């Protein structure tokens, strides 16, 4: 298991990721856009979202920093655009951590299977810290 920083941006994520990659001399980032997601007829993707960054990651001197744009219409507040991402391969441990974090907190997304993870959920704990919890399908470049 690991804890990484996750930064959200308001439409300028690609510019930010490329800037930080240059500043810290990392390898070129792999960037996944919302348009690359498998289509879901229940939630059609707005045209303005297709080229926005859904996920990117940089390894900066051994620490992972992950990035995404907020989805159009989602709230964005500078200063509250940072969350912690807890991920690994132990489903039972992740479920236990999620259940403890949601005590007195607010669940943004219940733990569930997604196209990128066996389990993914998001919760804001009782201290206002936003957590993204993820059980990886396999070791991934993202």
N, C-alpha and C. Protein backbone atom coordinates (compact mmCIF):
# COMPACT_ATOMS: atom_id res chain seq x y z
N UNK A 1 0.84 -1.17 0.00
CA UNK A 1 0.00 0.00 0.00
C UNK A 1 0.89 1.24 0.00
N UNK A 2 0.37 2.29 -0.59
CA UNK A 2 1.10 3.55 -0.63
C UNK A 2 0.10 4.70 -0.56
N UNK A 3 0.59 5.86 -0.16
CA UNK A 3 -0.21 7.08 -0.17
C UNK A 3 0.49 8.07 -1.09
N UNK A 4 -0.27 8.56 -2.07
CA UNK A 4 0.26 9.52 -3.03
C UNK A 4 -0.58 10.80 -2.99
N UNK A 5 -0.01 11.87 -3.47
CA UNK A 5 -0.72 13.14 -3.59
C UNK A 5 -1.46 13.15 -4.92
N UNK A 6 -2.70 13.67 -4.90
CA UNK A 6 -3.51 13.79 -6.13
C UNK A 6 -3.94 15.24 -6.27
N UNK A 7 -3.56 15.87 -7.37
CA UNK A 7 -3.86 17.28 -7.62
C UNK A 7 -4.92 17.40 -8.71
N UNK A 8 -5.91 18.24 -8.49
CA UNK A 8 -6.95 18.50 -9.49
C UNK A 8 -6.77 19.90 -10.06
N UNK A 9 -7.11 20.03 -11.34
CA UNK A 9 -6.98 21.29 -12.04
C UNK A 9 -8.29 21.61 -12.75
N UNK A 10 -8.43 22.85 -13.15
CA UNK A 10 -9.67 23.31 -13.77
C UNK A 10 -9.48 23.54 -15.27
N UNK A 11 -9.11 22.46 -15.98
CA UNK A 11 -8.96 22.53 -17.43
C UNK A 11 -7.54 22.75 -17.91
N UNK A 12 -6.60 22.99 -17.01
CA UNK A 12 -5.21 23.23 -17.42
C UNK A 12 -4.25 22.16 -16.89
N UNK A 13 -4.77 20.97 -16.66
CA UNK A 13 -3.96 19.89 -16.09
C UNK A 13 -2.81 19.49 -17.01
N UNK A 14 -3.09 19.35 -18.31
CA UNK A 14 -2.04 18.93 -19.24
C UNK A 14 -0.86 19.91 -19.17
N UNK A 15 -1.14 21.19 -19.16
CA UNK A 15 -0.10 22.21 -19.06
C UNK A 15 0.69 22.05 -17.76
N UNK A 16 -0.02 21.81 -16.65
CA UNK A 16 0.63 21.66 -15.34
C UNK A 16 1.53 20.43 -15.31
N UNK A 17 1.03 19.29 -15.80
CA UNK A 17 1.81 18.05 -15.79
C UNK A 17 3.07 18.22 -16.63
N UNK A 18 2.93 18.79 -17.80
CA UNK A 18 4.10 18.98 -18.67
C UNK A 18 5.10 19.95 -18.03
N UNK A 19 4.59 20.98 -17.35
CA UNK A 19 5.45 21.93 -16.65
C UNK A 19 6.24 21.23 -15.54
N UNK A 20 5.53 20.46 -14.69
CA UNK A 20 6.21 19.79 -13.58
C UNK A 20 7.20 18.73 -14.08
N UNK A 21 6.87 18.05 -15.17
CA UNK A 21 7.79 17.06 -15.74
C UNK A 21 9.09 17.75 -16.16
N UNK A 22 8.97 18.94 -16.75
CA UNK A 22 10.15 19.68 -17.17
C UNK A 22 10.92 20.21 -15.96
N UNK A 23 10.21 20.78 -15.00
CA UNK A 23 10.86 21.36 -13.81
C UNK A 23 11.67 20.30 -13.06
N UNK A 24 11.07 19.11 -12.87
CA UNK A 24 11.73 18.07 -12.07
C UNK A 24 12.52 17.08 -12.91
N UNK A 25 12.56 17.25 -14.23
CA UNK A 25 13.35 16.38 -15.10
C UNK A 25 12.89 14.94 -15.11
N UNK A 26 11.57 14.74 -15.07
CA UNK A 26 11.03 13.37 -15.09
C UNK A 26 10.87 12.89 -16.53
N UNK A 27 10.52 11.62 -16.67
CA UNK A 27 10.19 11.11 -18.00
C UNK A 27 8.90 11.78 -18.47
N UNK A 28 8.66 11.74 -19.77
CA UNK A 28 7.43 12.31 -20.32
C UNK A 28 6.22 11.61 -19.69
N UNK A 29 5.24 12.38 -19.24
CA UNK A 29 4.08 11.76 -18.58
C UNK A 29 3.16 11.06 -19.59
N UNK A 30 2.56 9.96 -19.14
CA UNK A 30 1.48 9.33 -19.90
C UNK A 30 0.20 9.99 -19.42
N UNK A 31 -0.57 10.49 -20.35
CA UNK A 31 -1.78 11.23 -20.01
C UNK A 31 -2.99 10.51 -20.57
N UNK A 32 -3.97 10.23 -19.71
CA UNK A 32 -5.22 9.59 -20.12
C UNK A 32 -6.31 10.66 -20.07
N UNK A 33 -7.06 10.80 -21.17
CA UNK A 33 -8.13 11.80 -21.21
C UNK A 33 -9.48 11.15 -20.89
N UNK A 34 -10.45 11.98 -20.53
CA UNK A 34 -11.81 11.47 -20.30
C UNK A 34 -12.35 10.82 -21.57
N UNK A 35 -11.95 11.32 -22.74
CA UNK A 35 -12.41 10.77 -24.01
C UNK A 35 -11.91 9.37 -24.29
N UNK A 36 -10.87 8.93 -23.59
CA UNK A 36 -10.34 7.58 -23.78
C UNK A 36 -11.09 6.53 -22.96
N UNK A 37 -12.00 6.96 -22.09
CA UNK A 37 -12.79 6.02 -21.28
C UNK A 37 -13.71 5.19 -22.17
N UNK A 38 -14.02 3.98 -21.74
CA UNK A 38 -15.06 3.24 -22.45
C UNK A 38 -16.38 4.03 -22.35
N UNK A 39 -17.11 4.18 -23.45
CA UNK A 39 -18.35 4.96 -23.40
C UNK A 39 -19.40 4.31 -22.49
N UNK A 40 -20.18 5.15 -21.82
CA UNK A 40 -21.26 4.69 -20.97
C UNK A 40 -22.53 5.40 -21.44
N UNK A 41 -23.47 4.66 -22.07
CA UNK A 41 -24.67 5.31 -22.60
C UNK A 41 -25.50 6.03 -21.53
N UNK A 42 -25.40 5.60 -20.26
CA UNK A 42 -26.15 6.24 -19.19
C UNK A 42 -25.56 7.61 -18.84
N UNK A 43 -24.28 7.80 -19.13
CA UNK A 43 -23.60 9.06 -18.82
C UNK A 43 -22.81 9.51 -20.05
N UNK A 44 -23.49 10.07 -21.05
CA UNK A 44 -22.75 10.50 -22.25
C UNK A 44 -21.73 11.58 -21.91
N UNK A 45 -20.60 11.52 -22.56
CA UNK A 45 -19.50 12.43 -22.29
C UNK A 45 -19.70 13.74 -23.06
N UNK A 46 -19.75 14.88 -22.34
CA UNK A 46 -19.88 16.17 -23.04
C UNK A 46 -18.65 16.41 -23.91
N UNK A 47 -18.85 17.05 -25.03
CA UNK A 47 -17.77 17.32 -25.98
C UNK A 47 -16.61 18.06 -25.30
N UNK A 48 -16.92 19.02 -24.41
CA UNK A 48 -15.86 19.82 -23.77
C UNK A 48 -15.02 19.00 -22.79
N UNK A 49 -15.44 17.78 -22.46
CA UNK A 49 -14.68 16.94 -21.52
C UNK A 49 -13.71 16.00 -22.21
N UNK A 50 -13.89 15.75 -23.48
CA UNK A 50 -13.14 14.69 -24.17
C UNK A 50 -11.62 14.85 -24.09
N UNK A 51 -11.11 16.07 -24.18
CA UNK A 51 -9.66 16.26 -24.17
C UNK A 51 -9.10 16.63 -22.80
N UNK A 52 -9.99 16.72 -21.80
CA UNK A 52 -9.51 17.01 -20.45
C UNK A 52 -8.80 15.78 -19.87
N UNK A 53 -7.86 16.02 -18.98
CA UNK A 53 -7.06 14.94 -18.39
C UNK A 53 -7.85 14.24 -17.30
N UNK A 54 -8.03 12.93 -17.48
CA UNK A 54 -8.66 12.12 -16.44
C UNK A 54 -7.61 11.66 -15.43
N UNK A 55 -6.41 11.34 -15.94
CA UNK A 55 -5.37 10.87 -15.03
C UNK A 55 -4.00 11.00 -15.69
N UNK A 56 -3.04 11.44 -14.89
CA UNK A 56 -1.63 11.44 -15.26
C UNK A 56 -0.84 11.26 -13.98
N UNK A 57 0.38 10.78 -14.12
CA UNK A 57 1.22 10.55 -12.94
C UNK A 57 2.66 10.87 -13.27
N UNK A 58 3.32 11.51 -12.32
CA UNK A 58 4.75 11.73 -12.41
C UNK A 58 5.42 11.10 -11.20
N UNK A 59 6.59 10.53 -11.40
CA UNK A 59 7.39 10.07 -10.29
C UNK A 59 8.46 11.14 -10.09
N UNK A 60 8.34 11.87 -8.99
CA UNK A 60 9.27 12.95 -8.69
C UNK A 60 10.18 12.50 -7.56
N UNK A 61 11.39 12.14 -7.91
CA UNK A 61 12.39 11.70 -6.93
C UNK A 61 11.86 10.61 -6.00
N UNK A 62 11.12 9.64 -6.55
CA UNK A 62 10.63 8.51 -5.77
C UNK A 62 9.23 8.67 -5.22
N UNK A 63 8.62 9.85 -5.37
CA UNK A 63 7.26 10.07 -4.89
C UNK A 63 6.32 10.22 -6.10
N UNK A 64 5.18 9.53 -6.03
CA UNK A 64 4.19 9.66 -7.09
C UNK A 64 3.32 10.87 -6.82
N UNK A 65 3.15 11.69 -7.85
CA UNK A 65 2.21 12.79 -7.82
C UNK A 65 1.26 12.56 -8.99
N UNK A 66 -0.04 12.51 -8.68
CA UNK A 66 -1.04 12.22 -9.70
C UNK A 66 -1.86 13.47 -9.97
N UNK A 67 -2.43 13.54 -11.17
CA UNK A 67 -3.09 14.75 -11.64
C UNK A 67 -4.36 14.42 -12.40
N UNK A 68 -5.34 15.34 -12.35
CA UNK A 68 -6.49 15.26 -13.25
C UNK A 68 -7.16 16.62 -13.32
N UNK A 69 -7.93 16.79 -14.39
CA UNK A 69 -8.82 17.94 -14.48
C UNK A 69 -10.11 17.58 -13.77
N UNK A 70 -10.80 18.57 -13.24
CA UNK A 70 -12.15 18.32 -12.73
C UNK A 70 -13.07 18.14 -13.92
N UNK A 71 -14.10 17.33 -13.75
CA UNK A 71 -15.06 17.10 -14.81
C UNK A 71 -15.90 18.36 -14.99
N UNK A 72 -16.25 18.74 -16.22
CA UNK A 72 -17.05 19.96 -16.42
C UNK A 72 -18.29 19.96 -15.52
N UNK A 73 -18.48 21.08 -14.84
CA UNK A 73 -19.62 21.22 -13.94
C UNK A 73 -19.32 20.81 -12.51
N UNK A 74 -18.18 20.14 -12.28
CA UNK A 74 -17.80 19.74 -10.93
C UNK A 74 -17.17 20.94 -10.22
N UNK A 75 -17.36 21.02 -8.90
CA UNK A 75 -16.79 22.17 -8.19
C UNK A 75 -15.27 22.13 -8.18
N UNK A 76 -14.67 23.29 -8.27
CA UNK A 76 -13.22 23.42 -8.22
C UNK A 76 -12.90 24.64 -7.37
N UNK A 77 -12.10 24.43 -6.33
CA UNK A 77 -11.68 25.53 -5.47
C UNK A 77 -10.18 25.43 -5.27
N UNK A 78 -9.46 26.45 -5.67
CA UNK A 78 -8.02 26.46 -5.45
C UNK A 78 -7.78 26.36 -3.95
N UNK A 79 -6.90 25.46 -3.55
CA UNK A 79 -6.63 25.22 -2.14
C UNK A 79 -7.30 23.95 -1.65
N UNK A 80 -8.44 23.60 -2.24
CA UNK A 80 -9.13 22.35 -1.89
C UNK A 80 -9.00 21.34 -3.04
N UNK A 81 -8.04 21.53 -3.89
CA UNK A 81 -7.89 20.68 -5.06
C UNK A 81 -6.82 19.61 -4.87
N UNK A 82 -6.56 19.25 -3.61
CA UNK A 82 -5.56 18.22 -3.31
C UNK A 82 -6.23 17.11 -2.51
N UNK A 83 -5.98 15.87 -2.91
CA UNK A 83 -6.46 14.73 -2.14
C UNK A 83 -5.30 13.74 -1.98
N UNK A 84 -5.50 12.79 -1.09
CA UNK A 84 -4.52 11.73 -0.90
C UNK A 84 -5.06 10.46 -1.52
N UNK A 85 -4.24 9.78 -2.27
CA UNK A 85 -4.64 8.54 -2.94
C UNK A 85 -3.94 7.37 -2.25
N UNK A 86 -4.75 6.46 -1.71
CA UNK A 86 -4.24 5.27 -1.01
C UNK A 86 -4.51 4.09 -1.90
N UNK A 87 -3.47 3.37 -2.30
CA UNK A 87 -3.68 2.28 -3.24
C UNK A 87 -2.76 1.11 -2.96
N UNK A 88 -3.19 -0.04 -3.42
CA UNK A 88 -2.42 -1.25 -3.24
C UNK A 88 -3.15 -2.46 -3.80
N UNK A 89 -2.88 -3.63 -3.25
CA UNK A 89 -3.43 -4.87 -3.77
C UNK A 89 -4.22 -5.66 -2.75
N UNK A 90 -4.30 -5.21 -1.49
CA UNK A 90 -4.98 -5.93 -0.42
C UNK A 90 -6.41 -5.38 -0.26
N UNK A 91 -7.40 -6.09 -0.84
CA UNK A 91 -8.79 -5.62 -0.81
C UNK A 91 -9.34 -5.50 0.60
N UNK A 92 -9.06 -6.48 1.46
CA UNK A 92 -9.59 -6.46 2.82
C UNK A 92 -9.07 -5.25 3.60
N UNK A 93 -7.78 -4.98 3.47
CA UNK A 93 -7.21 -3.84 4.18
C UNK A 93 -7.81 -2.54 3.65
N UNK A 94 -7.95 -2.42 2.33
CA UNK A 94 -8.51 -1.21 1.77
C UNK A 94 -9.95 -0.99 2.23
N UNK A 95 -10.75 -2.06 2.27
CA UNK A 95 -12.13 -1.95 2.75
C UNK A 95 -12.16 -1.48 4.21
N UNK A 96 -11.27 -2.02 5.02
CA UNK A 96 -11.22 -1.63 6.43
C UNK A 96 -10.83 -0.15 6.58
N UNK A 97 -9.86 0.30 5.80
CA UNK A 97 -9.44 1.69 5.85
C UNK A 97 -10.58 2.60 5.39
N UNK A 98 -11.24 2.24 4.30
CA UNK A 98 -12.36 3.03 3.79
C UNK A 98 -13.46 3.15 4.84
N UNK A 99 -13.81 2.04 5.47
CA UNK A 99 -14.87 2.05 6.48
C UNK A 99 -14.51 2.92 7.68
N UNK A 100 -13.26 2.92 8.09
CA UNK A 100 -12.84 3.77 9.21
C UNK A 100 -12.85 5.24 8.80
N UNK A 101 -12.36 5.55 7.58
CA UNK A 101 -12.31 6.94 7.13
C UNK A 101 -13.70 7.54 6.98
N UNK A 102 -14.69 6.72 6.63
CA UNK A 102 -16.03 7.28 6.41
C UNK A 102 -16.79 7.53 7.72
N UNK A 103 -16.26 7.02 8.87
CA UNK A 103 -16.89 7.29 10.17
C UNK A 103 -16.82 8.79 10.46
N UNK A 104 -17.95 9.44 10.47
CA UNK A 104 -18.00 10.88 10.69
C UNK A 104 -17.65 11.69 9.46
N UNK A 105 -17.40 11.02 8.35
CA UNK A 105 -17.04 11.71 7.12
C UNK A 105 -18.17 11.65 6.11
N UNK A 106 -17.84 11.94 4.86
CA UNK A 106 -18.81 11.96 3.77
C UNK A 106 -18.29 11.14 2.61
N UNK A 107 -19.06 10.16 2.19
CA UNK A 107 -18.66 9.32 1.07
C UNK A 107 -19.00 10.03 -0.24
N UNK A 108 -18.00 10.21 -1.07
CA UNK A 108 -18.20 10.78 -2.40
C UNK A 108 -18.54 9.71 -3.41
N UNK A 109 -17.95 8.53 -3.23
CA UNK A 109 -18.20 7.38 -4.10
C UNK A 109 -17.93 6.13 -3.29
N UNK A 110 -18.94 5.30 -3.15
CA UNK A 110 -18.77 4.03 -2.43
C UNK A 110 -17.73 3.17 -3.15
N UNK A 111 -17.10 2.27 -2.42
CA UNK A 111 -16.16 1.34 -3.04
C UNK A 111 -16.89 0.53 -4.09
N UNK A 112 -16.31 0.47 -5.27
CA UNK A 112 -16.92 -0.28 -6.36
C UNK A 112 -15.88 -0.59 -7.43
N UNK A 113 -16.21 -1.54 -8.28
CA UNK A 113 -15.33 -1.86 -9.39
C UNK A 113 -15.48 -0.80 -10.46
N UNK A 114 -14.35 -0.42 -11.06
CA UNK A 114 -14.35 0.53 -12.17
C UNK A 114 -13.55 -0.10 -13.31
N UNK A 115 -13.50 0.57 -14.44
CA UNK A 115 -12.74 0.00 -15.55
C UNK A 115 -11.24 0.04 -15.28
N UNK A 116 -10.79 0.85 -14.31
CA UNK A 116 -9.35 0.92 -14.02
C UNK A 116 -8.95 0.20 -12.74
N UNK A 117 -9.93 -0.23 -11.93
CA UNK A 117 -9.57 -0.81 -10.64
C UNK A 117 -10.57 -1.87 -10.19
N UNK A 118 -10.07 -2.84 -9.44
CA UNK A 118 -10.96 -3.83 -8.82
C UNK A 118 -11.88 -3.16 -7.82
N UNK A 119 -11.35 -2.19 -7.08
CA UNK A 119 -12.13 -1.39 -6.13
C UNK A 119 -11.63 0.04 -6.18
N UNK A 120 -12.56 0.97 -6.16
CA UNK A 120 -12.22 2.38 -6.07
C UNK A 120 -13.32 3.07 -5.27
N UNK A 121 -12.95 3.98 -4.40
CA UNK A 121 -13.91 4.78 -3.66
C UNK A 121 -13.28 6.09 -3.25
N UNK A 122 -14.14 7.04 -2.90
CA UNK A 122 -13.65 8.35 -2.49
C UNK A 122 -14.44 8.79 -1.27
N UNK A 123 -13.74 9.32 -0.27
CA UNK A 123 -14.38 9.75 0.97
C UNK A 123 -13.64 10.98 1.51
N UNK A 124 -14.42 11.90 2.08
CA UNK A 124 -13.84 13.03 2.81
C UNK A 124 -13.98 12.69 4.28
N UNK A 125 -12.86 12.59 4.99
CA UNK A 125 -12.93 12.15 6.38
C UNK A 125 -13.44 13.27 7.29
N UNK A 126 -13.59 12.96 8.57
CA UNK A 126 -14.17 13.91 9.52
C UNK A 126 -13.31 15.16 9.73
N UNK A 127 -12.07 15.13 9.23
CA UNK A 127 -11.19 16.29 9.34
C UNK A 127 -11.16 17.11 8.05
N UNK A 128 -11.95 16.69 7.05
CA UNK A 128 -12.01 17.40 5.78
C UNK A 128 -10.97 16.98 4.77
N UNK A 129 -10.22 15.91 5.06
CA UNK A 129 -9.21 15.41 4.13
C UNK A 129 -9.89 14.49 3.13
N UNK A 130 -9.65 14.74 1.84
CA UNK A 130 -10.23 13.92 0.77
C UNK A 130 -9.30 12.76 0.47
N UNK A 131 -9.86 11.55 0.49
CA UNK A 131 -9.11 10.32 0.22
C UNK A 131 -9.69 9.62 -1.01
N UNK A 132 -8.82 9.15 -1.88
CA UNK A 132 -9.19 8.26 -2.98
C UNK A 132 -8.54 6.93 -2.68
N UNK A 133 -9.35 5.87 -2.63
CA UNK A 133 -8.81 4.54 -2.30
C UNK A 133 -8.98 3.64 -3.51
N UNK A 134 -7.94 2.87 -3.79
CA UNK A 134 -7.88 2.15 -5.04
C UNK A 134 -7.18 0.80 -4.86
N UNK A 135 -7.83 -0.29 -5.25
CA UNK A 135 -7.18 -1.59 -5.35
C UNK A 135 -6.90 -1.82 -6.82
N UNK A 136 -5.63 -1.87 -7.17
CA UNK A 136 -5.23 -2.00 -8.55
C UNK A 136 -5.59 -3.36 -9.11
N UNK A 137 -5.95 -3.37 -10.42
CA UNK A 137 -6.17 -4.63 -11.12
C UNK A 137 -4.84 -5.37 -11.27
N UNK A 138 -3.84 -4.63 -11.58
CA UNK A 138 -2.49 -5.15 -11.73
C UNK A 138 -1.56 -3.96 -11.70
N UNK A 139 -0.27 -4.22 -11.65
CA UNK A 139 0.66 -3.10 -11.67
C UNK A 139 0.48 -2.38 -13.00
N UNK A 140 0.29 -1.10 -12.92
CA UNK A 140 -0.07 -0.31 -14.08
C UNK A 140 0.90 0.84 -14.26
N UNK A 141 1.01 1.31 -15.50
CA UNK A 141 1.83 2.49 -15.78
C UNK A 141 1.17 3.75 -15.29
N UNK A 142 -0.14 3.67 -15.01
CA UNK A 142 -0.85 4.83 -14.50
C UNK A 142 -0.80 4.77 -13.01
